[in-house]
């Protein structure tokens, strides 16, 4: 059993509970050493960076994007108004 917490998980689930709606594998089932090496090459050391992210997208990026959009267009944009998609 694992606790699903931190900035890279879609739903926060406290220790001791199993949330079957997450659709995230336990980190114990993942090749964490290899994932850590890959994450480090992306500029981060968090081994869970490749888990499913927050529903709206990583909050740090949404905050930076909101600041950029606010400045660029002269209208307030808040991070909670943005949702990121992996679609290209």
C-alpha atoms as a PDB file:
ATOM      1  CA  UNK A   1       0.000   0.000   0.000  1.00  0.00           C
ATOM      2  CA  UNK A   2       1.304   3.457  -0.832  1.00  0.00           C
ATOM      3  CA  UNK A   3       0.327   7.012  -0.039  1.00  0.00           C
ATOM      4  CA  UNK A   4      -0.474   8.992  -3.180  1.00  0.00           C
ATOM      5  CA  UNK A   5       0.688  12.502  -2.285  1.00  0.00           C
ATOM      6  CA  UNK A   6       2.824  15.206  -3.839  1.00  0.00           C
ATOM      7  CA  UNK A   7       2.700  17.577  -6.802  1.00  0.00           C
ATOM      8  CA  UNK A   8       2.815  14.853  -9.472  1.00  0.00           C
ATOM      9  CA  UNK A   9      -0.192  12.744  -8.492  1.00  0.00           C
ATOM     10  CA  UNK A  10      -3.733  13.228  -9.742  1.00  0.00           C
ATOM     11  CA  UNK A  11      -5.540  12.705  -6.428  1.00  0.00           C
ATOM     12  CA  UNK A  12      -4.175  12.916  -2.933  1.00  0.00           C
ATOM     13  CA  UNK A  13      -4.846   9.692  -1.009  1.00  0.00           C
ATOM     14  CA  UNK A  14      -3.684   9.440   2.601  1.00  0.00           C
ATOM     15  CA  UNK A  15      -1.596   6.570   3.956  1.00  0.00           C
ATOM     16  CA  UNK A  16      -3.697   3.576   4.921  1.00  0.00           C
ATOM     17  CA  UNK A  17      -6.400   4.037   2.282  1.00  0.00           C
ATOM     18  CA  UNK A  18      -6.622   2.376  -1.099  1.00  0.00           C
ATOM     19  CA  UNK A  19      -8.253   4.533  -3.767  1.00  0.00           C
ATOM     20  CA  UNK A  20      -9.085   2.270  -6.698  1.00  0.00           C
ATOM     21  CA  UNK A  21     -10.205   5.223  -8.825  1.00  0.00           C
ATOM     22  CA  UNK A  22      -6.658   6.549  -9.154  1.00  0.00           C
ATOM     23  CA  UNK A  23      -5.559   4.229 -11.928  1.00  0.00           C
ATOM     24  CA  UNK A  24      -1.974   4.652 -10.743  1.00  0.00           C
ATOM     25  CA  UNK A  25       0.319   1.709 -10.136  1.00  0.00           C
ATOM     26  CA  UNK A  26       2.053   1.420  -6.816  1.00  0.00           C
ATOM     27  CA  UNK A  27       5.609   2.798  -7.009  1.00  0.00           C
ATOM     28  CA  UNK A  28       6.688  -0.598  -5.631  1.00  0.00           C
ATOM     29  CA  UNK A  29       5.632  -2.114  -8.980  1.00  0.00           C
ATOM     30  CA  UNK A  30       7.748   0.311 -11.027  1.00  0.00           C
ATOM     31  CA  UNK A  31      11.454   0.133 -11.973  1.00  0.00           C
ATOM     32  CA  UNK A  32      12.175   3.161  -9.770  1.00  0.00           C
ATOM     33  CA  UNK A  33      15.934   3.304 -10.331  1.00  0.00           C
ATOM     34  CA  UNK A  34      15.463   3.548 -14.095  1.00  0.00           C
ATOM     35  CA  UNK A  35      12.641   6.054 -13.696  1.00  0.00           C
ATOM     36  CA  UNK A  36      14.810   8.164 -11.371  1.00  0.00           C
ATOM     37  CA  UNK A  37      17.555   8.258 -14.018  1.00  0.00           C
ATOM     38  CA  UNK A  38      15.039   9.314 -16.676  1.00  0.00           C
ATOM     39  CA  UNK A  39      13.465  11.929 -14.409  1.00  0.00           C
ATOM     40  CA  UNK A  40      16.913  13.334 -13.567  1.00  0.00           C
ATOM     41  CA  UNK A  41      17.629  13.726 -17.282  1.00  0.00           C
ATOM     42  CA  UNK A  42      14.429  15.809 -17.503  1.00  0.00           C
ATOM     43  CA  UNK A  43      15.715  18.137 -14.791  1.00  0.00           C
ATOM     44  CA  UNK A  44      13.910  16.588 -11.818  1.00  0.00           C
ATOM     45  CA  UNK A  45      14.809  13.977  -9.260  1.00  0.00           C
ATOM     46  CA  UNK A  46      11.276  12.958  -8.162  1.00  0.00           C
ATOM     47  CA  UNK A  47      10.857   9.291  -9.128  1.00  0.00           C
ATOM     48  CA  UNK A  48       7.064   9.751  -9.362  1.00  0.00           C
ATOM     49  CA  UNK A  49       7.246  12.463 -12.036  1.00  0.00           C
ATOM     50  CA  UNK A  50       5.952  10.010 -14.658  1.00  0.00           C
ATOM     51  CA  UNK A  51       2.797   9.100 -12.714  1.00  0.00           C
ATOM     52  CA  UNK A  52      -0.512  10.431 -13.969  1.00  0.00           C
ATOM     53  CA  UNK A  53      -0.527  14.117 -13.130  1.00  0.00           C
ATOM     54  CA  UNK A  54      -3.046  16.392 -11.528  1.00  0.00           C
ATOM     55  CA  UNK A  55      -6.323  16.496 -13.424  1.00  0.00           C
ATOM     56  CA  UNK A  56      -5.800  20.056 -14.634  1.00  0.00           C
ATOM     57  CA  UNK A  57      -2.052  19.658 -15.124  1.00  0.00           C
ATOM     58  CA  UNK A  58       1.000  20.446 -13.006  1.00  0.00           C
ATOM     59  CA  UNK A  59       0.155  23.478 -10.869  1.00  0.00           C
ATOM     60  CA  UNK A  60       3.626  25.037 -11.135  1.00  0.00           C
ATOM     61  CA  UNK A  61       3.365  25.175 -14.912  1.00  0.00           C
ATOM     62  CA  UNK A  62      -0.234  26.444 -14.806  1.00  0.00           C
ATOM     63  CA  UNK A  63       0.851  29.253 -12.439  1.00  0.00           C
ATOM     64  CA  UNK A  64       3.700  30.260 -14.756  1.00  0.00           C
ATOM     65  CA  UNK A  65       1.409  30.100 -17.787  1.00  0.00           C
ATOM     66  CA  UNK A  66      -1.252  32.171 -16.025  1.00  0.00           C
ATOM     67  CA  UNK A  67       1.349  34.846 -15.242  1.00  0.00           C
ATOM     68  CA  UNK A  68       2.538  34.893 -18.845  1.00  0.00           C
ATOM     69  CA  UNK A  69      -0.990  35.087 -20.259  1.00  0.00           C
ATOM     70  CA  UNK A  70      -1.991  37.823 -17.807  1.00  0.00           C
ATOM     71  CA  UNK A  71       0.997  39.924 -18.788  1.00  0.00           C
ATOM     72  CA  UNK A  72       0.691  39.218 -22.512  1.00  0.00           C
ATOM     73  CA  UNK A  73      -3.022  39.973 -22.833  1.00  0.00           C
ATOM     74  CA  UNK A  74      -3.508  42.479 -20.014  1.00  0.00           C
ATOM     75  CA  UNK A  75      -6.302  40.489 -18.359  1.00  0.00           C
ATOM     76  CA  UNK A  76      -6.053  38.454 -15.189  1.00  0.00           C
ATOM     77  CA  UNK A  77      -5.677  34.727 -15.759  1.00  0.00           C
ATOM     78  CA  UNK A  78      -5.555  32.410 -12.729  1.00  0.00           C
ATOM     79  CA  UNK A  79      -3.946  28.967 -12.663  1.00  0.00           C
ATOM     80  CA  UNK A  80      -7.215  27.343 -11.583  1.00  0.00           C
ATOM     81  CA  UNK A  81      -8.809  28.600 -14.818  1.00  0.00           C
ATOM     82  CA  UNK A  82      -6.362  26.592 -16.927  1.00  0.00           C
ATOM     83  CA  UNK A  83      -6.353  22.921 -17.858  1.00  0.00           C
ATOM     84  CA  UNK A  84      -3.492  21.304 -19.741  1.00  0.00           C
ATOM     85  CA  UNK A  85      -3.818  18.563 -22.313  1.00  0.00           C
ATOM     86  CA  UNK A  86      -1.310  16.168 -23.795  1.00  0.00           C
ATOM     87  CA  UNK A  87      -3.090  16.325 -27.160  1.00  0.00           C
ATOM     88  CA  UNK A  88      -1.023  17.652 -30.027  1.00  0.00           C
END
